[in-house]
Amino acid sequence: MNLFGYEQTEISKIYTVDKYTNYNKNIKEYSNCFHTYELIYFLSGSNKTLIDGVTLNDCPDSLRYIPKTQTTGAYRVESIAAPSVCIDIYFDVSTPMPMQPLVLFDCNELRDKFIRLYSVWKQKGTGYYAEAMKLFYDIICYIQRTGLKYLPPVQKSYMERAYSYILRHYRCKHFDYNELCNSTGLKYAHFSTLFVKAFGMSPVRLVTKMKIDYAKELLVTNHFSVSEIAEMCGFDNPYYFSNVFKKQTGFSPTKYLSEIYDIT
């Protein structure tokens, strides 16, 4: 079953919408009893999540879904790249939902909706609940119309290998895409098709995106120059890095901090 695969999905209640920030690389253990469904949008950072024997890899603009259930295994989140910032919707439905946790990738079109939903919920102005419900249904509608899906277990295992390789090597200056394919044991044509299906973009686009996401995290610290950040993110020179950064974000690295929106 796909996430929100039931056409007449009915949200019976939004319990709360919250934003969480983890500034450190660490491992956290959580209760394995889930009283509500959860939909978690990752604004930044990367995590490796183990829940009931299923491994999920969270990255910027990914969407983690956790079903309402009593699990039989551990729920552990290992921070790979900090800071990790996410917006979490706790909700309930009166229609069928998947019973397995999953992650959807390349959900950047939903970023502003989650930020707006969190802002509306936090401010709690007149009519906030109705507006929050409308925004949540907008999110569901987008997921349904774009056909975002999760992979069958066998295909998922191949892509987990690929993503694990990317996490280890994406900051290398000369990222080896052939070795990325080899890490899955698949022929390149099959690997490429499956990769796009899983992540919504080519390997080159995802690696570039992760480099730029990491550059954003480094810029926020104010501890490094643009040249140093270019080097740390695996770019040959700061000029090329600045061009790629602007193409991805709309801003040069030096303008990014002053222009980016403020999540309050």
Foldseek 3Di string as FASTA:
>chain_A
DFFLQPPPWFWPDWPAKDKDKDADFDKDWDAQAAQFKKKKAKQAFWKWWAHLNDTAIDGHRKIKIAHHGRHDDITMIGTLGDTIMMMMITTHTPDDGDNDIYMFADNVVCVVLSLVLNVLRVVVDVPSRVVNVVSVVVVSVVCNVVVGGADDPVLVVLVVQLVVLLSVDLQAQDDDVVVSNVSSVDDPVVVQVSNCSRHVDGPVVVSLVRLLSNLVVVLVVVPDDLQVSCNRSNHPGSVVVQVSNCVVPVDGSVCPVVPDDDRD
